[in-house]
Amino acid sequence: MNQEFAPPTEAEIRAEEARMLRERAVASARSVFILIALIAISLASVQLYREAVIWVGFASVMVVVTILYVRSWRHSEDTPQQVNRYLMGHIAISACTGLIWAIGAMQLASPTSELQTFLAGLFLTSITAGGVMAGTVYRPGYLAIAVCSLLPFCLYLFVTMEGVQRIYGGFLLLFLSFCFTTNKTASQKTRDALAAKLTSRKAEQALVDFAEATKLQRATNRSLQAIRHDMAQPLLALRNFLAEMDRKATSAAQAVLVRQIRLALISQESLVEELSNIDHPAPERVHAQIDVPALVTQLEDEYRPQFAAVGCGFFVNVELDFVESDRAKLERILRNFLSNAVKYGASGGRVDLSVMAQSHESVWQISDRGPGMTEAQLRAVRRGEDLEATPLGSGLGLGIAQKLAQEIGGSVEITSSKNIGTQTLLRLPHFETADVQDQAFVLVIGQETLPNMGAWADLISSWVWMFAHAETCEVALEMISVLGQVPDLIVLDPLAGQTFSLEDVRSIGAHAPIVHLIHPSHEAVLPTDQTAIVLPDHEVELRQMLERHF
């Protein structure tokens, strides 16, 4: 398994920093309590009992506040918003802690006692020294406590003290500068270690997922092979029985029935053969010329009795003689459509199958006058959701049909209206006319991907069109010159913050029609002579919109 992992994002690193701060909170509190105890002992040793009590009291309160704050976030989710709020609170508490220690130091410092001033400064440096050591976490929190404790005390010494004590204030200011610089290096090392840890965690999870997927794939393959083996025997027996029936057929009706059964058997055998190749990569598309009237007649013979059994008329209309495609997959798609029509659309009394030829494609449509679907039900079917609670069945069959259609270069779309009926369309490109010079050529300038549709290259290639991409109009002009081929259509799909000048648009527009694609969530300012279309929800609609501007 070869896989490259993107470096952790800033949000992921901040979440890890927040997690480490919470994990270290108790240990840090224990260290600060020990420091507070040492400070109290030092003050008591010089008979400053009142100062010792005040210092211990206020400092301990801030430690308790910190612990309570951490506990209040223990069961919260690490969403980016929650992490940001937690870290902002951590900065605020650190700043308040620094100010309280600074006030305590200023109360302790005395113009008449250099020892007390020295002790006050020593206490402040002791609480800020940890930020210069390896493993320090979250630089903004450390800077908050260091600046809010040392800077006010240094300014206090400069303003109120003289002589050695003022010099001592300058020394503490230098110490603050040293802490600021050293903490930057230490914090960056910690963040680098966190990034490496997150990447390693992703790799470990990917290995676990890969192992699970491999295990599941092997189990699936074993099950499918067992199904194939079990299905092959009855199909072989059925073929032998069918051969015997063919020999004993005494009327034209019996011969027609045998032929219909044989065609259905061939279709089932092709499905079984696909199961045998389930664990192999999908082969390249192999298209062969298909006699469309013959195929439709086969389906008509197979499904007309089923429609007649439920009192529904079945009508066909074919306006195309031949098409190039994968016959087995095309049959599976059409059988899926017709089976759904038998189950859910026959109550309307009429089902139509039509095959029409358009400029670059053939359109296969099955329409019924059944109960239809509401907008909500139609959206659910398009998403492949289970609708067994309704008389409409499941959207899973449509998902399979869409996948098969993509494999043969086509697309599926479905429309429906409640109490009016349902129309299902399969669009297939005309591969027999897919010469390079006859293919539509679309040049996209700007973005490389579309929301909910994927890469432009994959989308346009699936329509059997030629495709090129450029980030700017200038690059697009150079590309047209190098390729020596003029596009049929130019699509402007600007990157975030990108705009196209009127001069650039007119320059590129001299070569081909231009369409500016507008995303519903974006605001766009267009030149007055520029055509614009709003990005639709489905790729079929987008294709139709683009075709209108060729």
Protein backbone atom coordinates (compact mmCIF):
# COMPACT_ATOMS: atom_id res chain seq x y z
CA MET A 1 0.00 0.00 0.00
CA ASN A 2 1.59 3.27 -1.17
CA GLN A 3 -0.15 6.35 0.16
CA GLU A 4 1.00 9.89 0.80
CA PHE A 5 -0.59 11.79 3.65
CA ALA A 6 -1.23 15.51 3.54
CA PRO A 7 0.51 17.42 6.35
CA PRO A 8 -1.72 18.13 9.35
CA THR A 9 -3.74 21.30 9.11
CA GLU A 10 -3.43 24.18 11.55
CA ALA A 11 -6.79 23.20 13.04
CA GLU A 12 -5.57 19.65 13.70
CA ILE A 13 -2.38 20.90 15.39
CA ARG A 14 -4.34 23.35 17.55
CA ALA A 15 -6.70 20.54 18.57
CA GLU A 16 -3.71 18.41 19.58
CA GLU A 17 -2.26 21.32 21.57
CA ALA A 18 -5.57 21.74 23.38
CA ARG A 19 -5.65 18.02 24.16
CA MET A 20 -2.09 18.11 25.55
CA LEU A 21 -2.90 21.16 27.69
CA ARG A 22 -5.84 19.29 29.22
CA GLU A 23 -3.77 16.15 29.80
CA ARG A 24 -0.95 18.10 31.45
CA ALA A 25 -3.19 20.31 33.59
CA VAL A 26 -3.03 18.20 36.77
CA ALA A 27 0.72 17.67 36.56
CA SER A 28 1.28 21.38 35.93
CA ALA A 29 -0.97 22.28 38.85
CA ARG A 30 1.03 19.95 41.10
CA SER A 31 4.28 21.66 40.06
CA VAL A 32 2.83 25.13 40.67
CA PHE A 33 1.57 24.11 44.13
CA ILE A 34 5.09 22.93 44.99
CA LEU A 35 6.45 26.26 43.77
CA ILE A 36 3.87 28.14 45.85
CA ALA A 37 4.89 26.12 48.91
CA LEU A 38 8.56 26.97 48.36
CA ILE A 39 7.67 30.64 47.99
CA ALA A 40 5.69 30.53 51.23
CA ILE A 41 8.62 28.87 53.05
CA SER A 42 11.04 31.46 51.64
CA LEU A 43 8.83 34.34 52.77
CA ALA A 44 8.26 32.82 56.20
CA SER A 45 12.03 32.35 56.65
CA VAL A 46 12.44 36.14 56.50
CA GLN A 47 9.40 36.65 58.75
CA LEU A 48 7.09 37.90 55.96
CA TYR A 49 4.16 35.85 57.20
CA ARG A 50 1.43 38.17 55.96
CA GLU A 51 2.91 38.29 52.42
CA ALA A 52 3.28 34.49 52.46
CA VAL A 53 -0.39 34.01 53.31
CA ILE A 54 -1.57 36.50 50.66
CA TRP A 55 0.68 35.02 47.97
CA VAL A 56 -0.33 31.43 48.74
CA GLY A 57 -4.02 32.35 48.79
CA PHE A 58 -4.28 34.22 45.49
CA ALA A 59 -1.88 31.95 43.59
CA SER A 60 -3.71 28.84 44.77
CA VAL A 61 -7.06 30.28 43.69
CA MET A 62 -5.79 30.70 40.13
CA VAL A 63 -4.48 27.13 40.08
CA VAL A 64 -7.89 25.86 41.19
CA VAL A 65 -9.60 28.01 38.54
CA THR A 66 -7.33 26.47 35.90
CA ILE A 67 -8.18 22.92 37.00
CA LEU A 68 -11.92 23.64 37.08
CA TYR A 69 -11.71 25.19 33.61
CA VAL A 70 -10.00 22.08 32.23
CA ARG A 71 -12.58 19.79 33.84
CA SER A 72 -15.43 21.80 32.34
CA TRP A 73 -14.08 20.97 28.85
CA ARG A 74 -13.24 17.32 29.51
CA HIS A 75 -16.30 15.89 27.72
CA SER A 76 -16.54 18.47 24.93
CA GLU A 77 -16.07 17.60 21.27
CA ASP A 78 -12.86 18.79 19.63
CA THR A 79 -14.52 20.73 16.83
CA PRO A 80 -12.50 23.69 15.51
CA GLN A 81 -14.91 26.12 17.17
CA GLN A 82 -14.70 24.33 20.54
CA VAL A 83 -10.90 24.15 20.34
CA ASN A 84 -10.64 27.86 19.58
CA ARG A 85 -12.90 28.76 22.49
CA TYR A 86 -10.93 26.51 24.85
CA LEU A 87 -7.58 28.02 23.80
CA MET A 88 -8.92 31.57 24.11
CA GLY A 89 -10.08 30.76 27.63
CA HIS A 90 -6.67 29.28 28.39
CA ILE A 91 -4.99 32.53 27.26
CA ALA A 92 -7.35 34.61 29.42
CA ILE A 93 -6.70 32.50 32.54
CA SER A 94 -2.93 32.57 31.91
CA ALA A 95 -3.01 36.37 31.58
CA CYS A 96 -5.00 36.73 34.83
CA THR A 97 -2.57 34.39 36.60
CA GLY A 98 0.37 36.48 35.39
CA LEU A 99 -1.24 39.72 36.57
CA ILE A 100 -1.96 38.29 40.05
CA TRP A 101 1.64 37.12 40.39
CA ALA A 102 2.85 40.55 39.20
CA ILE A 103 0.67 42.30 41.80
CA GLY A 104 2.00 39.99 44.49
CA ALA A 105 5.56 40.72 43.42
CA MET A 106 4.97 44.46 43.45
CA GLN A 107 3.50 44.21 46.96
CA LEU A 108 6.53 42.26 48.11
CA ALA A 109 9.16 44.52 46.52
CA SER A 110 10.41 47.31 48.80
CA PRO A 111 12.69 50.29 48.16
CA THR A 112 14.27 49.66 51.57
CA SER A 113 14.83 45.91 51.13
CA GLU A 114 16.79 44.64 48.16
CA LEU A 115 16.26 41.07 49.42
CA GLN A 116 12.48 41.34 49.14
CA THR A 117 12.75 42.82 45.64
CA PHE A 118 15.13 40.06 44.63
CA LEU A 119 12.79 37.38 45.99
CA ALA A 120 9.82 38.90 44.16
CA GLY A 121 11.69 38.81 40.84
CA LEU A 122 12.91 35.28 41.54
CA PHE A 123 9.34 34.09 42.10
CA LEU A 124 8.25 35.52 38.73
CA THR A 125 11.17 34.03 36.81
CA SER A 126 10.49 30.65 38.39
CA ILE A 127 6.95 30.52 37.02
CA THR A 128 8.00 31.65 33.52
CA ALA A 129 11.19 29.59 33.15
CA GLY A 130 9.27 26.48 32.03
CA GLY A 131 8.36 28.07 28.70
CA VAL A 132 11.96 28.00 27.48
CA MET A 133 12.30 24.23 27.97
CA ALA A 134 11.69 21.50 25.40
CA GLY A 135 8.13 20.22 25.28
CA THR A 136 6.43 23.54 25.98
CA VAL A 137 2.90 23.60 24.55
CA TYR A 138 0.89 26.45 23.04
CA ARG A 139 3.01 29.58 22.73
CA PRO A 140 0.18 32.18 23.07
CA GLY A 141 -0.71 30.85 26.54
CA TYR A 142 2.90 31.04 27.71
CA LEU A 143 3.38 34.56 26.33
CA ALA A 144 0.22 35.66 28.16
CA ILE A 145 1.53 34.60 31.57
CA ALA A 146 5.12 35.75 30.91
CA VAL A 147 4.23 39.20 29.60
CA CYS A 148 1.47 39.87 32.16
CA SER A 149 3.75 38.90 35.08
CA LEU A 150 7.22 40.17 34.16
CA LEU A 151 6.44 43.30 32.13
CA PRO A 152 4.31 45.10 34.79
CA PHE A 153 6.86 44.23 37.49
CA CYS A 154 9.76 45.52 35.38
CA LEU A 155 7.92 48.79 34.71
CA TYR A 156 7.14 49.04 38.43
CA LEU A 157 10.85 48.74 39.30
CA PHE A 158 11.84 51.34 36.69
CA VAL A 159 9.30 53.85 38.00
CA THR A 160 9.47 53.40 41.78
CA MET A 161 12.93 52.01 42.50
CA GLU A 162 16.42 53.40 42.21
CA GLY A 163 19.96 52.12 41.97
CA VAL A 164 20.48 48.37 42.06
CA GLN A 165 16.77 47.59 42.13
CA ARG A 166 16.19 49.57 38.92
CA ILE A 167 19.10 47.71 37.31
CA TYR A 168 17.47 44.49 38.51
CA GLY A 169 14.33 45.54 36.62
CA GLY A 170 16.41 45.88 33.44
CA PHE A 171 17.82 42.42 34.01
CA LEU A 172 14.31 40.99 34.31
CA LEU A 173 13.34 42.75 31.09
CA LEU A 174 16.27 41.08 29.33
CA PHE A 175 15.13 37.77 30.83
CA LEU A 176 11.66 38.37 29.33
CA SER A 177 13.24 38.98 25.89
CA PHE A 178 15.26 35.78 26.28
CA CYS A 179 12.10 33.84 27.18
CA PHE A 180 10.26 35.31 24.18
CA THR A 181 12.98 34.20 21.72
CA THR A 182 13.73 30.82 23.27
CA ASN A 183 10.06 29.90 23.65
CA LYS A 184 9.54 30.51 19.92
CA THR A 185 12.11 27.83 19.08
CA ALA A 186 10.86 25.41 21.75
CA SER A 187 7.23 25.85 20.70
CA GLN A 188 8.06 25.27 17.03
CA LYS A 189 9.85 22.03 17.92
CA THR A 190 6.80 20.93 19.86
CA ARG A 191 4.49 21.74 16.95
CA ASP A 192 6.77 19.84 14.55
CA ALA A 193 6.66 16.85 16.89
CA LEU A 194 2.86 17.10 17.06
CA ALA A 195 2.65 17.23 13.25
CA ALA A 196 4.82 14.12 12.99
CA LYS A 197 2.68 12.39 15.60
CA LEU A 198 -0.53 13.23 13.76
CA THR A 199 0.89 11.99 10.46
CA SER A 200 2.01 8.78 12.14
CA ARG A 201 -1.46 8.37 13.62
CA LYS A 202 -3.02 8.79 10.18
CA ALA A 203 -0.65 6.19 8.77
CA GLU A 204 -1.50 3.74 11.55
CA GLN A 205 -5.22 4.28 11.01
CA ALA A 206 -4.78 3.86 7.25
CA LEU A 207 -3.01 0.55 7.85
CA VAL A 208 -5.85 -0.61 10.09
CA ASP A 209 -8.46 0.49 7.54
CA PHE A 210 -6.52 -1.18 4.73
CA ALA A 211 -6.29 -4.42 6.68
CA GLU A 212 -10.02 -4.33 7.42
CA ALA A 213 -10.86 -3.51 3.80
CA THR A 214 -8.61 -6.31 2.56
CA LYS A 215 -10.23 -8.76 4.98
CA LEU A 216 -13.70 -7.64 3.89
CA GLN A 217 -12.74 -7.82 0.21
CA ARG A 218 -11.45 -11.37 0.59
CA ALA A 219 -14.62 -12.43 2.40
CA THR A 220 -16.72 -10.77 -0.31
CA ASN A 221 -14.77 -12.48 -3.06
CA ARG A 222 -15.15 -15.86 -1.39
CA SER A 223 -18.89 -15.31 -1.05
CA LEU A 224 -19.25 -14.21 -4.67
CA GLN A 225 -17.22 -17.13 -5.94
CA ALA A 226 -19.42 -19.48 -3.92
CA ILE A 227 -22.53 -17.83 -5.35
CA ARG A 228 -21.08 -18.12 -8.87
CA HIS A 229 -20.34 -21.81 -8.34
CA ASP A 230 -23.79 -22.51 -6.93
CA MET A 231 -25.51 -20.58 -9.74
CA ALA A 232 -23.47 -22.16 -12.52
CA GLN A 233 -24.85 -25.65 -11.96
CA PRO A 234 -28.58 -24.75 -12.24
CA LEU A 235 -27.83 -22.57 -15.28
CA LEU A 236 -26.04 -25.47 -16.98
CA ALA A 237 -28.99 -27.76 -16.25
CA LEU A 238 -31.36 -25.10 -17.54
CA ARG A 239 -29.36 -24.84 -20.78
CA ASN A 240 -29.64 -28.64 -21.25
CA PHE A 241 -33.38 -28.57 -20.57
CA LEU A 242 -33.75 -25.68 -23.01
CA ALA A 243 -31.92 -27.60 -25.74
CA GLU A 244 -34.32 -30.51 -25.19
CA MET A 245 -37.33 -28.15 -25.35
CA ASP A 246 -36.00 -26.67 -28.58
CA ARG A 247 -35.82 -30.14 -30.17
CA LYS A 248 -39.35 -30.97 -29.07
CA ALA A 249 -40.98 -27.64 -30.03
CA THR A 250 -43.83 -28.37 -32.43
CA SER A 251 -45.29 -24.91 -33.03
CA ALA A 252 -44.11 -21.41 -33.87
CA ALA A 253 -45.35 -20.13 -30.50
CA GLN A 254 -43.28 -22.71 -28.68
CA ALA A 255 -40.20 -21.80 -30.76
CA VAL A 256 -40.65 -18.10 -29.89
CA LEU A 257 -40.98 -18.97 -26.21
CA VAL A 258 -37.79 -21.08 -26.33
CA ARG A 259 -35.94 -18.19 -28.00
CA GLN A 260 -37.08 -15.75 -25.32
CA ILE A 261 -35.98 -18.12 -22.57
CA ARG A 262 -32.60 -18.59 -24.26
CA LEU A 263 -32.02 -14.81 -24.47
CA ALA A 264 -32.88 -14.43 -20.80
CA LEU A 265 -30.53 -17.31 -20.00
CA ILE A 266 -27.69 -15.67 -21.92
CA SER A 267 -28.22 -12.47 -19.91
CA GLN A 268 -28.09 -14.40 -16.63
CA GLU A 269 -24.93 -16.21 -17.72
CA SER A 270 -23.24 -12.87 -18.45
CA LEU A 271 -24.03 -11.76 -14.89
CA VAL A 272 -22.51 -14.94 -13.50
CA GLU A 273 -19.41 -14.37 -15.64
CA GLU A 274 -19.04 -10.88 -14.17
CA LEU A 275 -19.07 -12.41 -10.69
CA SER A 276 -16.04 -14.51 -11.64
CA ASN A 277 -14.09 -11.33 -12.43
CA ILE A 278 -15.21 -9.34 -9.38
CA ASP A 279 -11.75 -9.36 -7.77
CA HIS A 280 -9.97 -8.23 -10.94
CA PRO A 281 -9.53 -4.64 -12.15
CA ALA A 282 -12.28 -3.45 -14.46
CA PRO A 283 -11.25 -3.97 -18.09
CA GLU A 284 -11.16 -1.13 -20.57
CA ARG A 285 -14.41 -0.36 -22.30
CA VAL A 286 -15.01 -2.71 -25.22
CA HIS A 287 -17.76 -1.45 -27.49
CA ALA A 288 -19.36 -3.41 -30.30
CA GLN A 289 -22.02 -2.44 -32.81
CA ILE A 290 -25.49 -3.26 -31.49
CA ASP A 291 -28.58 -3.73 -33.66
CA VAL A 292 -30.95 -1.44 -31.78
CA PRO A 293 -34.26 -2.68 -33.33
CA ALA A 294 -33.23 -6.28 -32.64
CA LEU A 295 -32.33 -5.48 -29.04
CA VAL A 296 -35.59 -3.61 -28.45
CA THR A 297 -37.58 -6.46 -30.06
CA GLN A 298 -35.87 -8.91 -27.69
CA LEU A 299 -36.82 -6.81 -24.68
CA GLU A 300 -40.32 -6.29 -26.05
CA ASP A 301 -40.85 -10.05 -26.42
CA GLU A 302 -39.56 -10.61 -22.90
CA TYR A 303 -41.50 -7.90 -21.09
CA ARG A 304 -44.74 -7.59 -23.08
CA PRO A 305 -46.24 -10.70 -21.38
CA GLN A 306 -45.30 -9.29 -17.96
CA PHE A 307 -47.04 -5.99 -18.71
CA ALA A 308 -50.04 -7.80 -20.20
CA ALA A 309 -50.34 -9.90 -17.04
CA VAL A 310 -51.00 -6.73 -15.01
CA GLY A 311 -53.25 -5.12 -17.61
CA CYS A 312 -50.71 -2.61 -18.90
CA GLY A 313 -49.94 -1.74 -22.50
CA PHE A 314 -46.29 -1.76 -23.64
CA PHE A 315 -45.34 0.43 -26.63
CA VAL A 316 -41.97 0.87 -28.32
CA ASN A 317 -40.61 3.49 -30.70
CA VAL A 318 -37.14 3.10 -32.25
CA GLU A 319 -35.54 5.88 -34.34
CA LEU A 320 -32.00 4.49 -34.35
CA ASP A 321 -30.56 1.53 -36.24
CA PHE A 322 -27.20 0.93 -34.60
CA VAL A 323 -25.20 2.07 -31.58
CA GLU A 324 -21.76 1.16 -30.28
CA SER A 325 -21.69 0.10 -26.64
CA ASP A 326 -21.28 -2.81 -24.24
CA ARG A 327 -24.34 -4.93 -24.97
CA ALA A 328 -24.35 -6.85 -21.68
CA LYS A 329 -24.24 -3.69 -19.55
CA LEU A 330 -26.73 -1.90 -21.77
CA GLU A 331 -29.16 -4.80 -21.37
CA ARG A 332 -28.73 -4.79 -17.59
CA ILE A 333 -29.57 -1.08 -17.44
CA LEU A 334 -32.65 -1.43 -19.64
CA ARG A 335 -33.85 -4.51 -17.76
CA ASN A 336 -33.52 -2.56 -14.52
CA PHE A 337 -35.66 0.27 -15.94
CA LEU A 338 -38.28 -2.10 -17.36
CA SER A 339 -38.45 -4.22 -14.20
CA ASN A 340 -39.14 -1.08 -12.16
CA ALA A 341 -41.83 -0.11 -14.66
CA VAL A 342 -43.50 -3.53 -14.25
CA LYS A 343 -43.41 -3.25 -10.44
CA TYR A 344 -44.28 0.41 -9.92
CA GLY A 345 -45.49 2.00 -13.16
CA ALA A 346 -47.80 -0.56 -14.75
CA SER A 347 -50.78 0.59 -12.67
CA GLY A 348 -51.03 3.62 -14.98
CA GLY A 349 -52.02 1.35 -17.87
CA ARG A 350 -49.23 2.35 -20.29
CA VAL A 351 -45.43 2.09 -20.46
CA ASP A 352 -43.38 3.46 -23.38
CA LEU A 353 -39.86 2.53 -24.46
CA SER A 354 -38.33 4.88 -27.01
CA VAL A 355 -34.87 5.18 -28.53
CA MET A 356 -34.00 8.50 -30.15
CA ALA A 357 -30.89 9.86 -31.85
CA GLN A 358 -29.56 13.30 -30.94
CA SER A 359 -26.49 15.24 -32.10
CA HIS A 360 -23.83 13.53 -29.98
CA GLU A 361 -25.76 10.79 -28.25
CA SER A 362 -28.62 8.32 -28.22
CA VAL A 363 -31.41 8.68 -25.66
CA TRP A 364 -33.16 5.60 -24.27
CA GLN A 365 -36.34 6.54 -22.37
CA ILE A 366 -38.79 4.45 -20.37
CA SER A 367 -41.85 6.37 -19.22
CA ASP A 368 -44.92 5.25 -17.32
CA ARG A 369 -48.16 6.73 -16.00
CA GLY A 370 -47.90 5.17 -12.56
CA PRO A 371 -48.18 6.79 -9.11
CA GLY A 372 -44.96 8.78 -9.55
CA MET A 373 -42.96 10.28 -6.71
CA THR A 374 -42.87 13.41 -4.62
CA GLU A 375 -39.82 15.68 -4.74
CA ALA A 376 -38.60 14.30 -1.41
CA GLN A 377 -38.98 10.69 -2.58
CA LEU A 378 -37.24 11.48 -5.87
CA ARG A 379 -34.26 13.06 -4.07
CA ALA A 380 -34.02 10.00 -1.83
CA VAL A 381 -34.06 7.63 -4.83
CA ARG A 382 -31.32 9.67 -6.54
CA ARG A 383 -29.22 9.33 -3.38
CA GLY A 384 -29.82 5.58 -3.33
CA GLU A 385 -31.70 5.61 0.00
CA ASP A 386 -33.91 2.71 1.03
CA LEU A 387 -37.57 3.42 0.34
CA GLU A 388 -39.05 0.07 1.23
CA ALA A 389 -41.58 1.77 3.50
CA THR A 390 -43.21 3.26 0.39
CA PRO A 391 -44.67 1.56 -2.70
CA LEU A 392 -41.76 2.92 -4.72
CA GLY A 393 -39.15 0.35 -3.77
CA SER A 394 -35.47 1.18 -3.26
CA GLY A 395 -33.14 3.59 -4.99
CA LEU A 396 -30.36 1.00 -4.95
CA GLY A 397 -31.28 -0.27 -8.44
CA LEU A 398 -30.89 3.23 -9.86
CA GLY A 399 -27.46 3.47 -8.26
CA ILE A 400 -26.38 0.24 -9.97
CA ALA A 401 -27.75 1.49 -13.29
CA GLN A 402 -25.86 4.78 -12.90
CA LYS A 403 -22.62 2.93 -12.22
CA LEU A 404 -23.08 0.71 -15.26
CA ALA A 405 -23.93 3.75 -17.40
CA GLN A 406 -20.72 5.49 -16.32
CA GLU A 407 -18.72 2.38 -17.21
CA ILE A 408 -19.99 2.58 -20.80
CA GLY A 409 -19.60 6.36 -21.00
CA GLY A 410 -23.24 7.29 -20.46
CA SER A 411 -25.41 8.85 -17.79
CA VAL A 412 -28.77 8.18 -16.16
CA GLU A 413 -31.39 10.68 -15.10
CA ILE A 414 -34.83 10.25 -13.60
CA THR A 415 -37.77 12.62 -13.36
CA SER A 416 -41.12 12.02 -11.70
CA SER A 417 -44.30 13.78 -10.69
CA LYS A 418 -46.78 12.59 -8.11
CA ASN A 419 -49.87 10.95 -9.71
CA ILE A 420 -48.49 11.66 -13.21
CA GLY A 421 -45.70 9.14 -13.74
CA THR A 422 -41.97 8.56 -13.95
CA GLN A 423 -39.48 8.98 -16.80
CA THR A 424 -36.07 7.30 -16.74
CA LEU A 425 -33.47 8.25 -19.36
CA LEU A 426 -30.19 6.69 -20.40
CA ARG A 427 -27.89 8.86 -22.51
CA LEU A 428 -25.17 7.11 -24.51
CA PRO A 429 -22.53 8.87 -26.61
CA HIS A 430 -22.16 7.99 -30.28
CA PHE A 431 -18.84 6.15 -30.15
CA GLU A 432 -19.01 5.36 -33.83
CA THR A 433 -18.53 9.07 -34.59
CA ALA A 434 -16.00 9.73 -31.85
CA ASP A 435 -13.23 10.83 -34.20
CA VAL A 436 -10.91 13.37 -32.57
CA GLN A 437 -11.85 16.05 -35.06
CA ASP A 438 -15.58 15.52 -34.41
CA GLN A 439 -15.47 15.48 -30.62
CA ALA A 440 -16.60 18.56 -28.75
CA PHE A 441 -13.60 20.47 -27.32
CA VAL A 442 -14.17 22.35 -24.05
CA LEU A 443 -11.53 24.61 -22.46
CA VAL A 444 -12.04 25.44 -18.76
CA ILE A 445 -10.24 28.45 -17.26
CA GLY A 446 -9.96 28.73 -13.46
CA GLN A 447 -10.89 25.91 -11.10
CA GLU A 448 -10.02 22.26 -11.71
CA THR A 449 -12.88 20.75 -9.67
CA LEU A 450 -16.59 21.32 -9.18
CA PRO A 451 -18.45 20.95 -5.86
CA ASN A 452 -20.34 17.63 -5.69
CA MET A 453 -19.26 16.68 -9.25
CA GLY A 454 -15.52 16.12 -8.97
CA ALA A 455 -12.77 17.07 -11.38
CA TRP A 456 -13.62 18.88 -14.61
CA ALA A 457 -11.32 16.49 -16.50
CA ASP A 458 -13.15 13.37 -15.28
CA LEU A 459 -16.57 14.93 -15.86
CA ILE A 460 -15.98 16.09 -19.43
CA SER A 461 -14.08 12.94 -20.38
CA SER A 462 -17.06 10.85 -19.24
CA TRP A 463 -19.13 12.76 -21.84
CA VAL A 464 -16.61 11.73 -24.51
CA TRP A 465 -15.57 15.35 -25.11
CA MET A 466 -12.07 16.69 -25.43
CA PHE A 467 -10.88 18.75 -22.47
CA ALA A 468 -8.16 21.24 -21.60
CA HIS A 469 -7.59 23.38 -18.53
CA ALA A 470 -5.77 26.64 -17.85
CA GLU A 471 -5.62 28.76 -14.70
CA THR A 472 -5.60 32.12 -16.51
CA CYS A 473 -6.71 33.58 -19.83
CA GLU A 474 -3.08 34.24 -20.75
CA VAL A 475 -2.15 30.57 -20.30
CA ALA A 476 -5.30 29.57 -22.22
CA LEU A 477 -4.25 31.69 -25.24
CA GLU A 478 -0.82 30.05 -25.24
CA MET A 479 -2.46 26.62 -24.98
CA ILE A 480 -4.72 27.26 -27.99
CA SER A 481 -1.69 28.38 -29.99
CA VAL A 482 0.36 25.31 -29.04
CA LEU A 483 -2.48 22.80 -29.59
CA GLY A 484 -3.41 24.31 -32.91
CA GLN A 485 -7.07 23.52 -32.20
CA VAL A 486 -9.84 25.98 -31.41
CA PRO A 487 -12.23 24.93 -28.60
CA ASP A 488 -15.94 24.67 -29.24
CA LEU A 489 -16.66 26.33 -25.90
CA ILE A 490 -14.68 28.18 -23.22
CA VAL A 491 -15.93 27.93 -19.62
CA LEU A 492 -14.80 30.55 -17.10
CA ASP A 493 -14.91 29.00 -13.62
CA PRO A 494 -12.87 31.47 -11.51
CA LEU A 495 -10.81 30.44 -8.52
CA ALA A 496 -11.59 32.00 -5.13
CA GLY A 497 -10.81 35.71 -5.43
CA GLN A 498 -10.04 35.44 -9.16
CA THR A 499 -11.56 37.90 -11.61
CA PHE A 500 -11.31 38.12 -15.39
CA SER A 501 -10.78 41.53 -16.94
CA LEU A 502 -12.93 42.64 -19.85
CA GLU A 503 -9.82 42.81 -22.04
CA ASP A 504 -8.85 39.19 -21.22
CA VAL A 505 -12.39 37.96 -21.81
CA ARG A 506 -12.64 39.67 -25.20
CA SER A 507 -9.19 38.38 -26.18
CA ILE A 508 -10.03 34.75 -25.39
CA GLY A 509 -13.59 35.18 -26.68
CA ALA A 510 -12.26 35.89 -30.16
CA HIS A 511 -11.53 32.17 -30.47
CA ALA A 512 -14.76 30.54 -29.19
CA PRO A 513 -18.04 31.19 -27.36
CA ILE A 514 -17.60 31.92 -23.63
CA VAL A 515 -19.78 30.85 -20.71
CA HIS A 516 -19.15 32.15 -17.20
CA LEU A 517 -20.08 29.55 -14.57
CA ILE A 518 -21.59 31.05 -11.40
CA HIS A 519 -21.61 29.07 -8.16
CA PRO A 520 -24.78 29.72 -6.12
CA SER A 521 -22.71 30.44 -2.98
CA HIS A 522 -20.41 32.93 -4.74
CA GLU A 523 -20.91 36.50 -5.79
CA ALA A 524 -19.73 37.31 -9.29
CA VAL A 525 -19.23 40.53 -11.24
CA LEU A 526 -19.43 39.86 -14.98
CA PRO A 527 -18.53 41.93 -18.01
CA THR A 528 -21.71 43.21 -19.63
CA ASP A 529 -21.24 41.16 -22.82
CA GLN A 530 -20.61 37.84 -21.09
CA THR A 531 -23.02 34.86 -20.96
CA ALA A 532 -23.49 33.30 -17.53
CA ILE A 533 -25.06 30.09 -16.25
CA VAL A 534 -25.67 29.05 -12.65
CA LEU A 535 -24.07 25.75 -11.61
CA PRO A 536 -26.91 23.17 -11.45
CA ASP A 537 -27.23 20.31 -8.96
CA HIS A 538 -26.74 17.49 -11.46
CA GLU A 539 -24.10 16.87 -14.12
CA VAL A 540 -26.71 15.97 -16.72
CA GLU A 541 -28.22 19.45 -16.42
CA LEU A 542 -24.75 21.01 -16.65
CA ARG A 543 -24.02 19.06 -19.82
CA GLN A 544 -27.26 20.19 -21.41
CA MET A 545 -26.54 23.82 -20.50
CA LEU A 546 -23.07 23.68 -22.05
CA GLU A 547 -24.33 21.97 -25.23
CA ARG A 548 -26.69 24.90 -25.88
CA HIS A 549 -23.70 27.24 -26.23
CA PHE A 550 -21.61 25.22 -28.71
